[in-house]
Every structure is written in C-alpha cells, then in structure tokens.
Protein backbone atom coordinates (compact mmCIF):
# COMPACT_ATOMS: atom_id res chain seq x y z
CA UNK A 1 0.21 -0.02 0.02
CA UNK A 2 2.85 2.58 0.84
CA UNK A 3 5.98 2.65 -1.15
CA UNK A 4 9.37 1.53 0.14
CA UNK A 5 11.87 4.17 0.70
CA UNK A 6 13.98 4.60 -2.61
CA UNK A 7 17.18 5.61 -0.80
CA UNK A 8 17.58 2.78 1.74
CA UNK A 9 20.83 4.24 2.99
CA UNK A 10 18.93 7.11 4.28
CA UNK A 11 16.12 4.94 5.95
CA UNK A 12 16.15 5.16 9.66
CA UNK A 13 14.27 3.01 12.11
CA UNK A 14 10.62 3.77 12.91
CA UNK A 15 11.74 4.60 16.58
CA UNK A 16 13.59 7.56 15.18
CA UNK A 17 10.22 8.79 13.69
CA UNK A 18 8.31 8.46 16.66
CA UNK A 19 11.36 10.21 18.64
CA UNK A 20 11.12 13.38 16.07
CA UNK A 21 7.52 13.29 16.21
CA UNK A 22 7.73 13.60 19.93
CA UNK A 23 10.36 16.12 20.17
CA UNK A 24 9.64 18.61 17.44
CA UNK A 25 7.30 21.21 17.82
CA UNK A 26 5.94 22.05 14.32
CA UNK A 27 5.17 20.11 11.14
CA UNK A 28 3.21 20.59 8.00
CA UNK A 29 -0.16 18.64 7.42
CA UNK A 30 -0.89 17.77 3.73
CA UNK A 31 -4.72 17.20 2.79
CA UNK A 32 -6.37 17.10 -0.42
CA UNK A 33 -7.77 20.79 -0.84
CA UNK A 34 -10.09 22.69 -2.95
CA UNK A 35 -10.57 21.56 -6.43
CA UNK A 36 -8.00 18.62 -5.90
CA UNK A 37 -5.18 20.99 -4.80
CA UNK A 38 -2.88 19.77 -2.41
CA UNK A 39 -3.13 22.05 0.81
CA UNK A 40 0.18 21.89 2.97
CA UNK A 41 -0.32 23.83 6.05
CA UNK A 42 2.35 24.38 9.14
CA UNK A 43 0.84 23.55 12.75
CA UNK A 44 2.14 22.12 15.86
CA UNK A 45 1.66 18.97 16.91
CA UNK A 46 1.50 16.21 20.03
CA UNK A 47 2.36 12.63 19.55
CA UNK A 48 0.28 10.34 22.02
CA UNK A 49 -0.50 7.05 22.38
CA UNK A 50 0.85 6.24 18.74
CA UNK A 51 -1.16 9.08 17.24
CA UNK A 52 -0.54 12.60 16.13
CA UNK A 53 -2.77 15.35 17.51
CA UNK A 54 -3.35 18.98 16.93
CA UNK A 55 -5.82 21.53 17.65
CA UNK A 56 -7.66 24.16 15.53
CA UNK A 57 -10.69 26.01 15.03
CA UNK A 58 -14.26 24.35 14.45
CA UNK A 59 -13.98 25.80 10.65
CA UNK A 60 -11.77 26.31 7.96
CA UNK A 61 -9.81 24.84 5.06
CA UNK A 62 -8.26 21.97 6.58
CA UNK A 63 -11.68 20.94 8.60
CA UNK A 64 -13.20 20.93 5.23
CA UNK A 65 -10.28 18.85 3.51
CA UNK A 66 -10.39 16.45 6.25
CA UNK A 67 -14.15 16.07 6.12
CA UNK A 68 -13.99 15.68 2.54
CA UNK A 69 -10.91 13.10 2.43
CA UNK A 70 -9.44 11.86 5.99
CA UNK A 71 -6.23 10.61 4.16
CA UNK A 72 -3.33 13.00 4.96
CA UNK A 73 0.32 12.86 5.43
CA UNK A 74 2.25 15.08 7.92
CA UNK A 75 5.96 15.71 7.99
CA UNK A 76 8.62 17.18 10.56
CA UNK A 77 12.13 18.33 10.10
CA UNK A 78 14.19 16.81 13.27
CA UNK A 79 17.48 18.93 12.43
CA UNK A 80 18.98 20.23 9.52
CA UNK A 81 22.64 21.83 9.34
CA UNK A 82 24.02 23.24 5.83
CA UNK A 83 27.26 21.97 4.57
CA UNK A 84 28.01 24.47 1.68
CA UNK A 85 31.50 23.12 0.99
CA UNK A 86 29.99 19.89 0.19
CA UNK A 87 26.91 21.34 -1.44
CA UNK A 88 24.82 19.16 0.73
CA UNK A 89 22.52 19.11 3.79
CA UNK A 90 23.00 16.85 7.15
CA UNK A 91 19.36 16.21 8.27
CA UNK A 92 16.77 14.07 9.77
CA UNK A 93 12.93 13.98 8.99
CA UNK A 94 9.94 11.90 9.49
CA UNK A 95 6.61 11.50 7.60
CA UNK A 96 3.56 9.71 8.55
CA UNK A 97 0.42 8.69 6.61
CA UNK A 98 -2.85 8.26 8.24
CA UNK A 99 -6.58 8.96 8.52
CA UNK A 100 -7.64 12.36 10.17
CA UNK A 101 -10.59 12.42 12.18
CA UNK A 102 -12.26 15.12 14.75
CA UNK A 103 -11.84 13.86 18.14
CA UNK A 104 -15.48 13.47 19.52
CA UNK A 105 -14.47 11.61 22.85
CA UNK A 106 -14.39 14.20 25.68
CA UNK A 107 -11.56 12.47 27.40
CA UNK A 108 -9.50 11.91 24.76
CA UNK A 109 -9.75 15.45 23.66
CA UNK A 110 -8.95 16.74 26.84
CA UNK A 111 -5.73 14.06 27.10
CA UNK A 112 -4.43 15.76 23.92
CA UNK A 113 -5.19 19.31 24.94
CA UNK A 114 -3.11 18.59 28.45
CA UNK A 115 -0.47 17.20 26.11
CA UNK A 116 -0.12 20.40 24.42
CA UNK A 117 0.02 22.63 27.22
CA UNK A 118 2.67 20.13 28.63
CA UNK A 119 4.61 20.04 25.10
CA UNK A 120 4.39 23.66 24.23
CA UNK A 121 3.84 25.44 27.33
CA UNK A 122 5.92 24.14 30.03
CA UNK A 123 5.49 25.79 33.36
CA UNK A 124 1.95 27.21 32.67
CA UNK A 125 -0.26 24.13 33.33
CA UNK A 126 -2.94 26.25 35.24
CA UNK A 127 -3.01 28.93 32.73
CA UNK A 128 -3.37 26.34 29.71
CA UNK A 129 -6.06 24.46 32.07
CA UNK A 130 -8.07 27.59 32.41
CA UNK A 131 -7.65 28.51 28.57
CA UNK A 132 -9.13 24.93 27.67
CA UNK A 133 -11.69 25.44 29.84
CA UNK A 134 -12.69 28.85 28.24
CA UNK A 135 -12.37 27.53 24.64
CA UNK A 136 -13.39 23.86 24.77
CA UNK A 137 -16.54 24.62 22.64
CA UNK A 138 -14.76 26.51 20.13
CA UNK A 139 -11.92 24.10 19.80
CA UNK A 140 -11.43 21.09 17.60
CA UNK A 141 -8.93 18.27 18.33
CA UNK A 142 -8.00 16.45 15.17
CA UNK A 143 -6.17 13.04 15.64
CA UNK A 144 -4.23 11.50 12.72
CA UNK A 145 -4.36 7.77 13.55
CA UNK A 146 -1.10 6.62 11.91
CA UNK A 147 -0.91 3.92 9.29
CA UNK A 148 2.50 4.17 8.03
CA UNK A 149 5.76 6.38 9.22
CA UNK A 150 9.16 6.56 7.99
CA UNK A 151 12.54 8.38 8.97
CA UNK A 152 15.00 9.48 6.90
CA UNK A 153 18.42 11.25 7.53
CA UNK A 154 21.98 11.74 6.60
CA UNK A 155 25.21 10.61 8.90
CA UNK A 156 26.04 13.44 10.82
C-alpha cells in the first residue's frame, strides 16, 4: 500500500520517526484541498498513544478537506545543517500517513489538549487548563491515526 523508501541508505528505524514526532514542535499537514489542489499547512502537534494530535478552529480549509478526504500526511524536520562546501545538508526528517478525524470523545480531547500544554507551554499548566475550559466549545482536536511512518536522515 505504501511505497518503500527509495534511498535505503538514508532510512532510519521507526523509533527515530517516533522520537522526532515527540520532540519537534511543528510540522506540515498535507491534505487534499479545494479543487483537487494539495494543501500543506504548518501547525504544532503532539504525539500521544501512537497518534498525532493538533488543535484548531471549528471551521476552515483543513477541516473541510479532512471531512471530504481523511487521508493525510504529516512531516517534520528533526534537524538540518547546511554544509555549503560539500553542497549538501545533514538532516533528519519523518513522515507519517494516516487518516485524520475530529476527536469526539471528551476524554481523548482533554488528554490531547493537556499534552499540548505540557509540550508547548511547560510551566503554565494552570493557565493552560483555564484556557482549555474557556475555549473548549470553539476548539477542535484532530487525531491522525497513523498507518505508516518513515524516518530519513544523513550521517552526522
């Protein structure tokens, strides 16, 4: 179903992909957008229980796209360093493919939002919990149920 990586020498173990999803703060979500055009949108994420989560508004381009076609990809760049004299880059990246869904279960939604606070606003748990409470009904949480992931990188 999913293609094998062409450059096997750059392939890294799945654990590297998981680590990058856990440690990076931002990535790019790619969906099938309006009129069949791809739509890539940068956003922050959390990795929890083998899934990726992000929060967003109740309406918008990505929500419309996910409702129409839930198959998505998400990529992160774990690190990159340009090496001009060798005309190359030392990098680590990860990509996952899966189906995105709006989280309806309140417990799952809360776990994801708490994880967002822990990762992106450490030291501000109380303030984050107040914000969750205030914005609960105007906030969507999207889960990506990962079906396939790969990690790629060059030697450092």
